[in-house]
């Protein structure tokens, strides 16, 4: 698990792949790792978008305007 997502003491993700040859297991592991990296990136993007929305809302509150009037 990436430290920025899992926090301190992050651990590895372990999955049983069942009875596979070494080559099959390696291919499956590489595919799963790619999927995990993609999902971690999606989580980071969602967090960033949420952080931006929250910042816009805070600024709009301070300026006493509607967040919908703030340009994208």
Protein backbone atom coordinates (compact mmCIF):
# COMPACT_ATOMS: atom_id res chain seq x y z
CA UNK A 1 0.00 0.00 0.00
CA UNK A 2 1.32 3.45 -0.81
CA UNK A 3 2.22 5.37 2.33
CA UNK A 4 0.24 8.45 1.30
CA UNK A 5 -2.93 6.36 1.12
CA UNK A 6 -2.42 3.82 3.88
CA UNK A 7 -0.61 5.98 6.39
CA UNK A 8 2.16 4.94 8.74
CA UNK A 9 2.86 1.25 9.00
CA UNK A 10 1.50 0.58 5.52
CA UNK A 11 1.48 -3.06 4.57
CA UNK A 12 1.76 -5.09 1.44
CA UNK A 13 -1.32 -6.44 -0.24
CA UNK A 14 -1.17 -10.20 -0.58
CA UNK A 15 -3.56 -12.25 -2.67
CA UNK A 16 -3.64 -15.97 -3.25
CA UNK A 17 -3.55 -16.73 -6.98
CA UNK A 18 -4.29 -20.40 -6.69
CA UNK A 19 -2.46 -23.20 -8.48
CA UNK A 20 -0.52 -21.48 -11.27
CA UNK A 21 2.82 -22.02 -12.90
CA UNK A 22 5.52 -19.53 -11.97
CA UNK A 23 5.07 -17.78 -15.31
CA UNK A 24 1.28 -17.57 -14.95
CA UNK A 25 1.63 -16.29 -11.40
CA UNK A 26 4.11 -13.61 -12.51
CA UNK A 27 1.79 -12.44 -15.32
CA UNK A 28 -1.22 -12.33 -12.97
CA UNK A 29 0.81 -10.49 -10.32
CA UNK A 30 1.94 -7.88 -12.85
CA UNK A 31 -1.63 -7.35 -14.06
CA UNK A 32 -2.96 -7.03 -10.52
CA UNK A 33 -0.16 -4.61 -9.63
CA UNK A 34 -1.05 -2.46 -12.65
CA UNK A 35 -4.71 -2.45 -11.64
CA UNK A 36 -3.78 -1.50 -8.07
CA UNK A 37 -1.54 1.36 -9.25
CA UNK A 38 -4.38 2.63 -11.45
CA UNK A 39 -6.86 2.50 -8.57
CA UNK A 40 -4.44 4.24 -6.22
CA UNK A 41 -4.08 7.03 -8.80
CA UNK A 42 -7.88 7.30 -9.04
CA UNK A 43 -8.11 7.62 -5.25
CA UNK A 44 -5.43 10.32 -5.24
CA UNK A 45 -7.22 12.23 -8.01
CA UNK A 46 -10.55 12.03 -6.18
CA UNK A 47 -8.93 13.29 -2.98
CA UNK A 48 -7.31 16.17 -4.84
CA UNK A 49 -10.61 17.12 -6.49
CA UNK A 50 -12.32 16.99 -3.11
CA UNK A 51 -9.58 19.14 -1.55
CA UNK A 52 -10.01 21.71 -4.34
CA UNK A 53 -13.81 21.77 -3.93
CA UNK A 54 -13.42 22.24 -0.17
CA UNK A 55 -10.95 25.09 -0.69
CA UNK A 56 -13.30 26.81 -3.14
CA UNK A 57 -16.18 26.46 -0.68
CA UNK A 58 -14.09 27.90 2.16
CA UNK A 59 -12.99 30.84 0.04
CA UNK A 60 -16.56 31.44 -1.14
CA UNK A 61 -17.75 31.41 2.47
CA UNK A 62 -15.12 33.96 3.49
CA UNK A 63 -16.00 36.15 0.52
CA UNK A 64 -19.71 35.58 1.20
CA UNK A 65 -20.43 34.45 -2.35
CA UNK A 66 -21.95 31.30 -3.75
CA UNK A 67 -19.39 28.61 -4.68
CA UNK A 68 -21.24 28.25 -7.99
CA UNK A 69 -20.18 31.76 -8.99
CA UNK A 70 -16.49 30.89 -8.64
CA UNK A 71 -15.08 30.11 -12.10
CA UNK A 72 -13.56 26.67 -12.68
